[in-house]
Protein backbone atom coordinates (compact mmCIF):
# COMPACT_ATOMS: atom_id res chain seq x y z
CA UNK A 1 0.00 0.00 0.00
CA UNK A 2 2.84 2.40 0.86
CA UNK A 3 4.44 1.82 -2.58
CA UNK A 4 1.13 2.40 -4.40
CA UNK A 5 0.58 5.66 -2.53
CA UNK A 6 4.12 6.79 -3.38
CA UNK A 7 3.51 6.12 -7.08
CA UNK A 8 0.18 7.96 -7.01
CA UNK A 9 1.71 10.90 -5.19
CA UNK A 10 4.69 11.14 -7.55
CA UNK A 11 2.36 11.08 -10.55
CA UNK A 12 0.49 14.04 -9.06
CA UNK A 13 3.80 15.83 -8.52
CA UNK A 14 4.74 15.77 -12.22
CA UNK A 15 3.06 19.15 -12.70
CA UNK A 16 5.23 20.58 -9.89
CA UNK A 17 8.35 19.47 -11.77
CA UNK A 18 7.09 21.31 -14.83
CA UNK A 19 6.44 24.40 -12.73
CA UNK A 20 9.98 24.27 -11.36
CA UNK A 21 11.27 24.17 -14.94
CA UNK A 22 9.07 27.10 -15.85
CA UNK A 23 10.33 29.13 -12.91
CA UNK A 24 13.93 28.39 -13.86
CA UNK A 25 13.11 29.98 -17.22
CA UNK A 26 11.65 33.06 -15.49
CA UNK A 27 8.22 32.47 -16.94
CA UNK A 28 6.16 33.46 -13.93
CA UNK A 29 8.04 35.93 -11.77
CA UNK A 30 6.71 39.28 -12.98
CA UNK A 31 3.24 40.71 -12.80
CA UNK A 32 3.24 40.87 -16.61
CA UNK A 33 2.83 37.11 -16.87
CA UNK A 34 0.33 37.16 -13.99
CA UNK A 35 -1.87 39.64 -15.88
CA UNK A 36 -1.66 37.38 -18.93
CA UNK A 37 -2.66 34.49 -16.69
CA UNK A 38 -5.76 36.13 -15.26
CA UNK A 39 -6.80 37.35 -18.70
CA UNK A 40 -6.71 33.78 -20.01
CA UNK A 41 -3.55 34.09 -22.14
CA UNK A 42 -1.00 31.30 -21.65
CA UNK A 43 2.55 31.07 -22.90
CA UNK A 44 2.81 27.27 -22.68
CA UNK A 45 0.60 24.42 -23.79
CA UNK A 46 0.50 22.91 -20.30
CA UNK A 47 -2.30 24.37 -18.20
CA UNK A 48 -0.39 25.69 -15.18
CA UNK A 49 -3.47 27.52 -13.91
CA UNK A 50 -5.68 24.45 -13.58
CA UNK A 51 -6.09 25.00 -9.85
CA UNK A 52 -6.76 28.75 -10.00
CA UNK A 53 -8.83 29.13 -13.14
CA UNK A 54 -12.03 27.29 -13.92
CA UNK A 55 -12.11 24.74 -16.76
CA UNK A 56 -14.65 23.60 -19.29
CA UNK A 57 -14.54 20.04 -17.94
CA UNK A 58 -13.18 18.74 -14.61
CA UNK A 59 -10.06 16.61 -14.47
CA UNK A 60 -10.10 13.06 -13.15
CA UNK A 61 -10.18 12.47 -9.40
CA UNK A 62 -6.79 12.67 -7.71
CA UNK A 63 -5.41 9.37 -6.37
CA UNK A 64 -8.28 7.60 -8.15
CA UNK A 65 -10.64 9.07 -5.56
CA UNK A 66 -8.80 7.56 -2.59
CA UNK A 67 -11.33 6.22 -0.08
CA UNK A 68 -14.32 7.96 -1.69
CA UNK A 69 -16.98 5.64 -3.09
CA UNK A 70 -18.16 6.50 -6.63
CA UNK A 71 -15.82 9.48 -6.77
CA UNK A 72 -16.58 10.35 -10.41
CA UNK A 73 -20.29 9.47 -10.33
CA UNK A 74 -19.94 6.70 -12.91
CA UNK A 75 -22.58 4.78 -10.93
CA UNK A 76 -25.22 7.45 -10.62
CA UNK A 77 -25.33 8.71 -7.00
CA UNK A 78 -24.31 5.44 -5.33
CA UNK A 79 -22.57 6.11 -2.00
CA UNK A 80 -23.95 9.65 -1.71
CA UNK A 81 -26.92 10.91 0.32
CA UNK A 82 -28.66 14.22 0.90
CA UNK A 83 -27.52 16.29 3.87
CA UNK A 84 -30.18 18.66 5.15
CA UNK A 85 -32.79 19.80 2.67
CA UNK A 86 -32.71 19.57 -1.07
CA UNK A 87 -32.53 16.91 -3.72
CA UNK A 88 -29.50 15.26 -5.30
CA UNK A 89 -29.36 13.77 -8.77
CA UNK A 90 -26.89 12.78 -11.45
CA UNK A 91 -26.43 15.00 -14.50
CA UNK A 92 -24.56 14.35 -17.75
CA UNK A 93 -22.77 17.08 -19.67
CA UNK A 94 -22.87 17.47 -23.44
CA UNK A 95 -19.46 15.78 -23.53
CA UNK A 96 -20.78 12.77 -21.63
CA UNK A 97 -19.27 13.60 -18.24
CA UNK A 98 -21.33 12.49 -15.25
CA UNK A 99 -21.53 14.67 -12.12
CA UNK A 100 -23.76 15.25 -9.08
CA UNK A 101 -26.12 18.18 -8.50
CA UNK A 102 -27.89 19.28 -5.31
CA UNK A 103 -31.03 21.34 -5.94
CA UNK A 104 -33.78 23.04 -3.91
CA UNK A 105 -31.38 24.09 -1.14
CA UNK A 106 -32.61 26.34 1.67
CA UNK A 107 -29.62 26.37 4.10
CA UNK A 108 -25.91 26.96 3.53
CA UNK A 109 -25.05 23.36 4.48
CA UNK A 110 -27.73 21.71 2.37
CA UNK A 111 -25.68 19.44 0.12
CA UNK A 112 -24.72 15.86 -0.69
CA UNK A 113 -22.63 13.80 1.70
CA UNK A 114 -20.69 10.60 2.19
CA UNK A 115 -19.57 8.92 5.41
CA UNK A 116 -15.95 7.85 5.89
CA UNK A 117 -13.87 6.47 8.75
CA UNK A 118 -10.98 8.71 9.83
CA UNK A 119 -8.03 7.04 11.56
CA UNK A 120 -6.00 8.79 14.24
CA UNK A 121 -2.70 10.23 13.06
CA UNK A 122 -3.42 10.08 9.33
CA UNK A 123 -3.28 13.14 7.08
CA UNK A 124 -6.14 13.32 4.57
CA UNK A 125 -5.79 15.23 1.29
CA UNK A 126 -9.13 16.31 -0.19
CA UNK A 127 -9.96 17.56 -3.67
CA UNK A 128 -13.06 18.00 -5.82
CA UNK A 129 -14.28 20.05 -8.77
CA UNK A 130 -17.24 22.42 -8.39
CA UNK A 131 -19.57 24.53 -10.50
CA UNK A 132 -22.74 26.52 -9.79
CA UNK A 133 -25.87 26.83 -11.86
CA UNK A 134 -25.61 30.64 -11.70
CA UNK A 135 -23.31 33.40 -10.54
CA UNK A 136 -20.30 32.71 -8.28
CA UNK A 137 -19.96 31.82 -4.61
CA UNK A 138 -17.52 30.29 -2.18
CA UNK A 139 -17.93 26.54 -1.74
CA UNK A 140 -16.30 24.79 1.23
CA UNK A 141 -15.75 21.17 2.17
CA UNK A 142 -16.85 20.41 5.73
CA UNK A 143 -16.05 17.37 7.86
CA UNK A 144 -18.79 16.60 10.39
CA UNK A 145 -17.31 14.64 13.32
CA UNK A 146 -18.40 13.65 16.83
CA UNK A 147 -21.99 13.92 15.74
CA UNK A 148 -22.04 17.72 15.52
CA UNK A 149 -18.53 19.22 15.23
CA UNK A 150 -18.01 20.92 11.87
CA UNK A 151 -14.43 21.29 10.61
CA UNK A 152 -13.79 23.23 7.41
CA UNK A 153 -11.22 21.57 5.18
CA UNK A 154 -10.86 23.96 2.24
CA UNK A 155 -12.56 26.54 0.05
CA UNK A 156 -12.90 27.57 -3.58
CA UNK A 157 -14.77 30.29 -5.44
CA UNK A 158 -17.01 28.31 -7.78
CA UNK A 159 -18.66 29.83 -10.83
CA UNK A 160 -21.34 29.17 -13.39
CA UNK A 161 -20.12 27.91 -16.74
CA UNK A 162 -16.83 26.26 -15.72
CA UNK A 163 -15.32 23.94 -13.14
CA UNK A 164 -13.07 25.06 -10.25
CA UNK A 165 -10.81 22.84 -8.16
CA UNK A 166 -11.12 22.81 -4.36
CA UNK A 167 -8.08 21.40 -2.54
CA UNK A 168 -7.77 20.99 1.19
CA UNK A 169 -7.76 18.36 3.86
CA UNK A 170 -7.80 17.40 7.50
CA UNK A 171 -5.54 15.74 10.08
CA UNK A 172 -7.28 13.16 12.23
CA UNK A 173 -6.53 13.76 15.92
CA UNK A 174 -8.50 10.65 16.84
CA UNK A 175 -10.25 7.79 15.06
CA UNK A 176 -13.84 8.69 14.32
CA UNK A 177 -16.57 8.37 11.73
CA UNK A 178 -16.93 11.55 9.69
CA UNK A 179 -19.44 12.84 7.20
CA UNK A 180 -18.15 14.85 4.25
CA UNK A 181 -20.51 17.61 3.17
CA UNK A 182 -20.35 20.92 1.38
CA UNK A 183 -21.28 24.49 2.15
CA UNK A 184 -21.99 27.56 0.06
CA UNK A 185 -22.80 31.02 1.40
CA UNK A 186 -25.74 31.38 -0.96
CA UNK A 187 -28.32 28.60 -0.32
CA UNK A 188 -30.32 29.48 -3.43
CA UNK A 189 -27.70 28.18 -5.89
CA UNK A 190 -27.32 24.62 -7.06
CA UNK A 191 -23.97 23.00 -6.23
CA UNK A 192 -22.51 20.78 -8.94
CA UNK A 193 -19.56 18.50 -8.11
CA UNK A 194 -17.32 15.91 -9.72
CA UNK A 195 -14.07 13.98 -9.20
CA UNK A 196 -14.21 13.93 -5.39
CA UNK A 197 -11.13 12.49 -3.67
CA UNK A 198 -10.01 11.84 -0.09
CA UNK A 199 -6.61 10.18 0.20
CA UNK A 200 -5.03 9.24 3.56
CA UNK A 201 -1.29 9.36 4.23
CA UNK A 202 0.67 8.24 7.25
CA UNK A 203 3.13 10.64 8.89
CA UNK A 204 5.94 8.48 7.50
CA UNK A 205 4.58 8.75 3.96
CA UNK A 206 4.14 12.50 4.36
CA UNK A 207 7.72 12.90 5.55
CA UNK A 208 8.89 10.78 2.63
CA UNK A 209 7.10 13.15 0.24
CA UNK A 210 8.79 16.11 1.89
CA UNK A 211 12.23 14.50 1.65
CA UNK A 212 11.69 13.62 -2.00
CA UNK A 213 10.62 17.18 -2.75
CA UNK A 214 13.65 18.61 -0.94
CA UNK A 215 15.93 16.35 -2.94
CA UNK A 216 14.24 17.51 -6.14
CA UNK A 217 13.87 21.26 -5.64
CA UNK A 218 16.51 22.24 -3.04
CA UNK A 219 19.49 20.04 -3.90
CA UNK A 220 21.75 19.01 -6.77
CA UNK A 221 23.93 15.97 -7.27
CA UNK A 222 27.67 16.65 -7.37
CA UNK A 223 30.43 14.19 -8.26
CA UNK A 224 34.01 14.80 -7.18
CA UNK A 225 36.55 12.80 -9.18
CA UNK A 226 39.96 12.86 -7.48
CA UNK A 227 43.00 11.68 -9.42
CA UNK A 228 46.74 11.89 -9.54
CA UNK A 229 48.21 14.31 -12.08
CA UNK A 230 48.40 11.40 -14.52
CA UNK A 231 44.62 10.98 -14.02
CA UNK A 232 44.79 7.62 -12.25
CA UNK A 233 42.25 7.29 -9.44
CA UNK A 234 43.25 8.46 -5.97
CA UNK A 235 41.50 6.15 -3.54
CA UNK A 236 41.06 7.35 0.04
CA UNK A 237 41.39 11.06 -0.66
CA UNK A 238 39.58 13.05 2.04
CA UNK A 239 37.02 15.61 0.95
CA UNK A 240 35.71 18.11 3.49
CA UNK A 241 32.69 20.13 2.33
CA UNK A 242 31.40 23.17 4.21
CA UNK A 243 28.62 25.47 3.04
CA UNK A 244 29.49 29.17 3.25
CA UNK A 245 26.22 30.57 1.90
CA UNK A 246 22.78 29.05 1.40
CA UNK A 247 20.63 29.94 -1.59
CA UNK A 248 17.48 29.53 0.50
CA UNK A 249 16.65 32.44 2.84
CA UNK A 250 15.93 30.95 6.26
CA UNK A 251 15.80 33.78 8.77
CA UNK A 252 14.37 35.08 11.99
CA UNK A 253 12.55 38.17 13.20
CA UNK A 254 14.63 40.77 15.04
CA UNK A 255 13.72 43.52 17.50
CA UNK A 256 15.33 46.53 19.16
CA UNK A 257 17.01 44.45 21.89
CA UNK A 258 19.65 43.61 19.27
CA UNK A 259 21.11 47.12 19.74
CA UNK A 260 21.96 46.70 23.43
CA UNK A 261 22.23 42.96 24.13
CA UNK A 262 25.58 41.44 23.13
CA UNK A 263 24.41 37.89 23.80
CA UNK A 264 21.44 38.42 21.49
CA UNK A 265 23.77 39.79 18.82
CA UNK A 266 26.08 36.76 18.99
CA UNK A 267 23.14 34.35 19.04
CA UNK A 268 21.55 35.92 15.96
CA UNK A 269 24.66 36.48 13.84
CA UNK A 270 25.84 32.90 14.34
CA UNK A 271 22.60 31.57 12.83
CA UNK A 272 20.82 33.89 10.42
CA UNK A 273 21.45 35.99 7.32
CA UNK A 274 17.84 37.15 6.77
CA UNK A 275 15.49 39.06 9.03
CA UNK A 276 12.39 41.19 9.42
CA UNK A 277 12.17 43.87 12.12
CA UNK A 278 9.12 42.86 14.12
CA UNK A 279 7.87 46.38 14.95
CA UNK A 280 10.53 49.02 14.45
CA UNK A 281 9.66 50.11 10.89
CA UNK A 282 5.90 50.25 11.42
CA UNK A 283 4.17 53.62 11.22
CA UNK A 284 3.16 53.58 14.90
CA UNK A 285 6.86 53.17 15.79
CA UNK A 286 8.35 55.84 13.52
CA UNK A 287 5.74 58.62 13.90
CA UNK A 288 4.02 58.32 17.26
CA UNK A 289 3.21 62.04 17.18
CA UNK A 290 2.03 63.58 13.94
CA UNK A 291 4.86 65.35 12.16
CA UNK A 292 7.57 64.02 14.49
CA UNK A 293 9.27 61.17 12.64
CA UNK A 294 11.92 59.17 14.46
CA UNK A 295 13.84 56.46 12.65
CA UNK A 296 16.66 56.19 15.18
CA UNK A 297 15.98 52.62 16.29
CA UNK A 298 15.25 51.28 12.79
CA UNK A 299 18.36 53.02 11.45
CA UNK A 300 20.49 51.48 14.20
CA UNK A 301 19.13 48.01 13.53
CA UNK A 302 19.71 48.40 9.80
CA UNK A 303 23.31 49.46 10.42
CA UNK A 304 23.80 46.34 12.55
CA UNK A 305 22.43 44.09 9.81
CA UNK A 306 24.64 45.73 7.17
CA UNK A 307 27.72 45.23 9.30
CA UNK A 308 26.88 41.54 9.65
CA UNK A 309 25.74 40.76 6.10
CA UNK A 310 22.08 40.25 7.03
CA UNK A 311 19.37 40.98 4.44
CA UNK A 312 16.22 42.75 5.67
CA UNK A 313 12.57 42.57 4.65
CA UNK A 314 10.72 45.84 5.26
CA UNK A 315 7.75 45.40 7.58
CA UNK A 316 5.52 47.25 6.95
CA UNK A 317 4.46 50.38 5.04
CA UNK A 318 0.79 50.20 6.07
CA UNK A 319 -1.15 47.94 8.42
CA UNK A 320 -4.80 47.73 7.41
CA UNK A 321 -6.11 46.97 10.92
CA UNK A 322 -7.70 50.07 12.50
CA UNK A 323 -6.32 49.35 15.98
CA UNK A 324 -2.73 49.32 14.75
CA UNK A 325 -2.77 52.79 13.21
CA UNK A 326 -0.87 55.53 15.06
CA UNK A 327 -3.42 57.00 17.47
CA UNK A 328 -3.47 60.36 15.69
CA UNK A 329 -4.24 58.69 12.34
CA UNK A 330 -7.51 57.16 13.53
CA UNK A 331 -9.33 60.49 13.77
CA UNK A 332 -8.18 61.97 10.43
CA UNK A 333 -10.67 62.89 7.75
CA UNK A 334 -10.31 61.10 4.38
CA UNK A 335 -8.45 64.06 2.88
CA UNK A 336 -6.17 64.34 5.91
CA UNK A 337 -5.52 60.59 5.86
CA UNK A 338 -4.68 60.67 2.16
CA UNK A 339 -2.14 63.42 2.77
CA UNK A 340 -0.64 61.70 5.82
CA UNK A 341 -0.41 58.33 4.06
CA UNK A 342 1.27 59.93 1.05
CA UNK A 343 3.86 61.49 3.35
CA UNK A 344 4.38 58.21 5.20
CA UNK A 345 5.01 56.09 2.12
CA UNK A 346 7.37 58.63 0.58
CA UNK A 347 9.27 59.00 3.83
CA UNK A 348 9.84 55.37 4.77
CA UNK A 349 10.30 53.87 1.29
CA UNK A 350 12.64 56.61 0.09
CA UNK A 351 14.67 56.46 3.30
CA UNK A 352 15.41 52.75 2.94
CA UNK A 353 15.57 52.53 -0.86
CA UNK A 354 18.29 50.09 -1.84
CA UNK A 355 18.70 48.80 1.72
CA UNK A 356 15.80 46.33 1.81
CA UNK A 357 15.12 43.23 -0.26
CA UNK A 358 11.34 43.57 0.13
CA UNK A 359 8.43 45.54 1.55
CA UNK A 360 5.20 44.32 3.10
CA UNK A 361 3.17 47.06 1.45
CA UNK A 362 -0.28 46.27 2.86
CA UNK A 363 -0.32 44.13 5.98
CA UNK A 364 -3.38 41.93 6.59
CA UNK A 365 -5.24 43.36 3.63
CA UNK A 366 -7.75 40.49 3.55
CA UNK A 367 -8.95 40.72 7.13
CA UNK A 368 -8.99 44.52 7.35
CA UNK A 369 -9.59 47.47 5.00
CA UNK A 370 -8.98 50.65 6.95
CA UNK A 371 -7.53 52.50 3.95
CA UNK A 372 -10.04 51.25 1.40
CA UNK A 373 -12.94 52.19 3.68
CA UNK A 374 -11.55 55.71 4.07
CA UNK A 375 -9.96 56.33 0.67
CA UNK A 376 -11.81 54.09 -1.77
CA UNK A 377 -11.50 50.56 -3.12
CA UNK A 378 -8.36 51.32 -5.14
CA UNK A 379 -6.33 52.50 -2.14
CA UNK A 380 -4.32 49.29 -1.83
CA UNK A 381 -3.53 49.18 -5.52
CA UNK A 382 -2.35 52.80 -5.47
CA UNK A 383 0.06 52.16 -2.59
CA UNK A 384 1.61 49.16 -4.31
CA UNK A 385 2.17 51.28 -7.41
CA UNK A 386 3.59 54.14 -5.35
CA UNK A 387 5.98 51.89 -3.43
CA UNK A 388 7.20 50.45 -6.72
CA UNK A 389 7.71 53.93 -8.13
CA UNK A 390 9.77 54.93 -5.08
CA UNK A 391 11.79 51.70 -4.85
CA UNK A 392 11.46 49.64 -8.04
CA UNK A 393 13.97 46.93 -7.07
CA UNK A 394 12.50 45.71 -3.78
CA UNK A 395 9.93 42.91 -3.97
CA UNK A 396 6.42 43.96 -2.93
CA UNK A 397 4.50 41.58 -0.67
CA UNK A 398 0.89 41.24 0.37
CA UNK A 399 1.27 39.84 3.90
CA UNK A 400 -1.58 37.87 5.50
CA UNK A 401 -2.37 35.42 8.30
CA UNK A 402 -4.53 32.26 8.39
CA UNK A 403 -4.22 31.60 4.65
CA UNK A 404 -2.39 28.32 5.25
CA UNK A 405 -2.60 27.84 9.00
CA UNK A 406 -6.34 27.85 9.76
CA UNK A 407 -8.91 26.28 7.43
CA UNK A 408 -11.83 27.84 9.31
CA UNK A 409 -10.97 31.40 8.18
CA UNK A 410 -12.77 31.90 4.86
CA UNK A 411 -11.75 35.56 4.65
CA UNK A 412 -8.08 34.62 4.34
CA UNK A 413 -8.54 31.46 2.24
CA UNK A 414 -6.15 30.93 -0.68
CA UNK A 415 -9.07 31.60 -3.05
CA UNK A 416 -9.72 35.00 -1.49
CA UNK A 417 -5.99 35.75 -1.42
CA UNK A 418 -5.87 35.15 -5.18
CA UNK A 419 -8.95 37.33 -5.69
CA UNK A 420 -7.29 40.20 -3.78
CA UNK A 421 -4.07 39.89 -5.77
CA UNK A 422 -6.12 40.12 -8.96
CA UNK A 423 -7.66 43.37 -7.75
CA UNK A 424 -4.33 44.89 -6.67
CA UNK A 425 -2.47 44.00 -9.84
CA UNK A 426 -5.18 44.73 -12.38
CA UNK A 427 -3.56 47.96 -13.57
CA UNK A 428 -1.25 47.94 -16.56
CA UNK A 429 1.13 50.05 -14.49
CA UNK A 430 1.76 47.01 -12.28
CA UNK A 431 3.14 44.85 -15.08
CA UNK A 432 6.81 45.03 -14.10
CA UNK A 433 6.41 45.18 -10.33
CA UNK A 434 8.36 42.42 -8.56
CA UNK A 435 5.60 40.87 -6.44
CA UNK A 436 5.50 38.04 -3.92
CA UNK A 437 3.02 36.24 -1.69
CA UNK A 438 3.55 36.67 2.06
CA UNK A 439 1.99 34.03 4.32
CA UNK A 440 2.57 34.77 7.98
CA UNK A 441 2.18 31.22 9.30
CA UNK A 442 1.19 31.86 12.93
CA UNK A 443 -0.02 28.40 13.98
CA UNK A 444 -2.20 27.99 17.06
CA UNK A 445 -1.97 25.11 19.53
CA UNK A 446 -2.77 21.62 18.34
CA UNK A 447 -1.68 19.45 15.44
CA UNK A 448 -1.08 21.68 12.38
CA UNK A 449 -3.27 20.83 9.40
CA UNK A 450 -0.46 20.03 6.98
CA UNK A 451 -2.95 18.92 4.33
CA UNK A 452 -4.56 22.37 4.31
CA UNK A 453 -1.15 24.04 4.40
CA UNK A 454 0.10 22.06 1.41
CA UNK A 455 -3.07 22.55 -0.61
CA UNK A 456 -2.87 26.32 0.02
CA UNK A 457 0.76 26.40 -1.11
CA UNK A 458 -0.19 24.34 -4.17
CA UNK A 459 -3.01 26.71 -5.06
CA UNK A 460 -1.05 29.92 -4.58
CA UNK A 461 2.06 28.41 -6.13
CA UNK A 462 0.16 27.93 -9.38
CA UNK A 463 -0.20 31.72 -9.65
CA UNK A 464 3.53 31.85 -10.28
CA UNK A 465 4.73 34.42 -7.77
CA UNK A 466 7.35 33.49 -5.15
CA UNK A 467 5.90 32.56 -1.76
CA UNK A 468 7.53 33.37 1.59
CA UNK A 469 6.47 32.22 5.03
CA UNK A 470 7.00 35.60 6.64
CA UNK A 471 6.31 35.27 10.38
CA UNK A 472 6.31 31.57 11.16
CA UNK A 473 5.53 30.62 14.76
CA UNK A 474 3.68 28.04 16.86
CA UNK A 475 1.85 28.71 20.11
CA UNK A 476 3.36 27.18 23.29
CA UNK A 477 2.25 23.59 23.91
CA UNK A 478 3.82 20.27 24.97
CA UNK A 479 4.63 19.25 21.38
CA UNK A 480 5.60 22.69 20.13
CA UNK A 481 9.03 21.61 18.88
CA UNK A 482 7.62 18.68 16.93
CA UNK A 483 4.88 20.75 15.30
CA UNK A 484 7.28 23.60 14.49
CA UNK A 485 9.57 21.18 12.68
CA UNK A 486 6.65 19.77 10.68
CA UNK A 487 5.62 23.27 9.57
CA UNK A 488 9.14 24.37 8.65
CA UNK A 489 9.77 21.17 6.69
CA UNK A 490 6.47 21.57 4.86
CA UNK A 491 7.42 25.08 3.79
CA UNK A 492 10.99 24.21 2.82
CA UNK A 493 9.93 21.18 0.80
CA UNK A 494 7.42 23.08 -1.35
CA UNK A 495 8.75 24.23 -4.71
CA UNK A 496 6.85 27.54 -4.62
CA UNK A 497 8.28 28.64 -1.26
CA UNK A 498 11.37 30.81 -1.71
CA UNK A 499 12.04 31.96 1.83
CA UNK A 500 11.07 31.47 5.48
CA UNK A 501 11.29 34.03 8.27
CA UNK A 502 10.37 32.93 11.79
CA UNK A 503 8.89 35.29 14.36
CA UNK A 504 10.74 33.60 17.18
CA UNK A 505 13.80 34.20 19.30
CA UNK A 506 15.43 34.29 22.73
CA UNK A 507 13.69 35.17 25.99
CA UNK A 508 16.05 38.09 26.63
CA UNK A 509 14.70 39.75 23.48
CA UNK A 510 11.13 39.48 24.76
CA UNK A 511 10.01 36.50 22.70
CA UNK A 512 7.57 34.40 24.69
CA UNK A 513 5.57 32.41 22.13
CA UNK A 514 7.99 30.45 19.98
CA UNK A 515 11.00 30.55 22.27
CA UNK A 516 14.32 29.43 20.77
CA UNK A 517 16.59 30.22 23.76
CA UNK A 518 15.79 30.70 27.44
CA UNK A 519 16.77 33.58 29.73
CA UNK A 520 20.33 32.18 29.97
CA UNK A 521 20.57 31.66 26.20
CA UNK A 522 20.33 27.92 26.62
CA UNK A 523 18.76 26.38 23.54
CA UNK A 524 15.16 25.25 24.03
CA UNK A 525 13.77 22.11 22.42
CA UNK A 526 12.16 24.29 19.73
CA UNK A 527 15.43 26.14 19.28
CA UNK A 528 17.22 22.81 18.85
CA UNK A 529 14.85 21.98 15.99
CA UNK A 530 15.85 25.24 14.28
CA UNK A 531 19.57 24.63 14.86
CA UNK A 532 19.26 21.11 13.48
CA UNK A 533 17.51 22.35 10.35
CA UNK A 534 20.12 25.07 9.81
CA UNK A 535 22.76 22.35 9.92
CA UNK A 536 20.78 19.91 7.74
CA UNK A 537 19.80 22.47 5.09
CA UNK A 538 23.32 23.85 5.10
CA UNK A 539 24.79 20.48 4.10
CA UNK A 540 27.69 20.24 6.38
CA UNK A 541 30.36 20.29 7.27
CA UNK A 542 30.82 16.79 5.84
CA UNK A 543 33.93 14.62 5.55
CA UNK A 544 33.94 11.86 2.91
CA UNK A 545 36.58 9.47 1.54
CA UNK A 546 36.96 8.83 -2.20
CA UNK A 547 36.22 5.26 -3.31
CA UNK A 548 38.46 2.99 -5.36
CA UNK A 549 37.62 5.00 -8.47
CA UNK A 550 38.61 8.23 -6.72
CA UNK A 551 34.95 9.27 -6.75
CA UNK A 552 32.67 10.88 -4.18
CA UNK A 553 28.98 11.32 -5.07
CA UNK A 554 26.97 13.66 -2.89
CA UNK A 555 23.73 15.61 -3.06
CA UNK A 556 24.22 19.21 -1.90
CA UNK A 557 21.74 21.92 -1.02
CA UNK A 558 21.90 24.93 -3.34
CA UNK A 559 24.53 27.38 -2.16
CA UNK A 560 28.23 28.19 -2.04
CA UNK A 561 30.81 25.82 -0.55
CA UNK A 562 34.42 25.65 0.58
CA UNK A 563 35.91 22.28 -0.32
CA UNK A 564 39.22 20.88 0.91
CA UNK A 565 40.68 17.78 -0.79
CA UNK A 566 43.57 16.04 1.00
CA UNK A 567 45.96 13.37 -0.37
CA UNK A 568 45.72 10.23 1.83
CA UNK A 569 49.49 9.69 2.02
CA UNK A 570 51.29 13.02 1.58
CA UNK A 571 48.58 15.14 3.26
CA UNK A 572 48.91 17.58 0.37
CA UNK A 573 45.69 19.68 0.30
CA UNK A 574 43.86 21.53 -2.40
CA UNK A 575 41.13 24.09 -1.67
CA UNK A 576 38.15 24.77 -3.95
CA UNK A 577 35.23 27.18 -3.93
CA UNK A 578 32.17 25.82 -5.67
CA UNK A 579 28.63 27.04 -6.26
CA UNK A 580 25.73 24.60 -6.47
CA UNK A 581 22.71 26.06 -8.22
CA UNK A 582 19.35 24.89 -9.48
CA UNK A 583 19.62 22.53 -12.40
CA UNK A 584 18.57 19.14 -13.64
CA UNK A 585 21.95 17.59 -14.41
CA UNK A 586 24.71 16.32 -12.17
CA UNK A 587 27.72 18.57 -11.73
CA UNK A 588 31.11 16.93 -12.20
CA UNK A 589 34.25 18.33 -10.55
CA UNK A 590 37.64 16.85 -11.47
CA UNK A 591 40.40 17.40 -8.88
CA UNK A 592 43.99 16.57 -9.84
CA UNK A 593 46.31 16.07 -6.88
CA UNK A 594 50.09 16.34 -6.78
CA UNK A 595 52.05 13.78 -4.82
């Protein structure tokens, strides 16, 4: 069974391999190609947007439907029953495709359902294709457990006239019968569905998928061939490999304690080359009193990062939550707010132009809309354009929470995230803006729903923009370290994720949620997870002996390396500097050694 699941999973991952190839060719990294995507124009024959755009006909059920009975409705409605009010029946399209329809609905949960048995500890991936008889609406999959508990497992914006793919899932915290049903906000529409799938995976299988993905998208095979000058094999040569720079940004949030705490400085610099200031660049920190800007702390922190070769993400230009505006901003009239916001964006972006790799332009723009309520629906779009005008080289992020960490938050669902991006980037002026997707990743207590996380990354990854986990953390709990590792591995193993920043740190810097070091700078269990991953993803240092052919084969994470090759008898050494980059072929390095 394990082997069959591996084959099925790897078949489903073929499209990811194609997307990696496309990204290596720079097909999807600018908003130009995104605008072509949302307008229906494609540059390749393969349909990369299958999960974000609706299709004339649904694709076949993933994993052959998994444990779902009659997943493609080839046997009428066998295995399916009505939930709530309404009537279910089989329909056949003009092309001969069979699907299920629920009609005469009166409540949001009126739908069709099927009972399954969930087993404790298994991760369940869900998918299905949906269409409505009119208009558009959000459709959600719901797992009904314990008789009455309703757990949302994923969402999609379904439309009339084409099929949209819903991906999601659930992690079973205990063995229980569950009823799968579906929800739409508008009970007057008919829900059409096809190709329903629910596939279970063990934790071991899930980890195997992650490891396979890491091998495929984060590493490259390298062969060292060590010979004498006359090119005969040099058996037993020692090769020491140490990474000096990683290609994958794995960083940590930083706060003002870094300016005065030497232990914090040493702790941070020894581990991280990427950061985000947790509060110090925010408007409420730099202009507490109207007209009195103070960048002293942010400037000092930026100087520290420059001196230590640490790249900084700007966080943030605007925060859309009303309660996090500077107090004096809350009472401004629309005209006064427009003037103050214009001054703010010019001040902060111009000041740090060229010093930051990115800006979170609008923070939490899905949950809140302070600026759009005051200044009109195009306010967000205008600030992205303005930030790009002021600093065209920094990547512009939309930064949001609950998009991958909590399936119950419809407002922040991947489908709504995509909808918001479409609104922000609709202008032709946005075509060359470097844009990226920021997913905060603040996970609450309890087992993280890795199925929902992966499906969200899959969905948003199909848009083509780079994805960063921007504020990753896990609430304190007995298994915090274990869950934090699962989340970090899930992010690192996904081909669309191009960086991870944790909002975590030592107790002396005031971190009290995801604590990496205690008050004495002793590494916590969660901190040990992070240190282990830094070592693992840094590939080294490693010491290997050449075989009888003088060959060492190794798979290295993308990055720069110092390599020392030593003759087994004379101890003569040769030093190399190599760079391992993305690619599909093995790199061969021939080292000739003198006696």
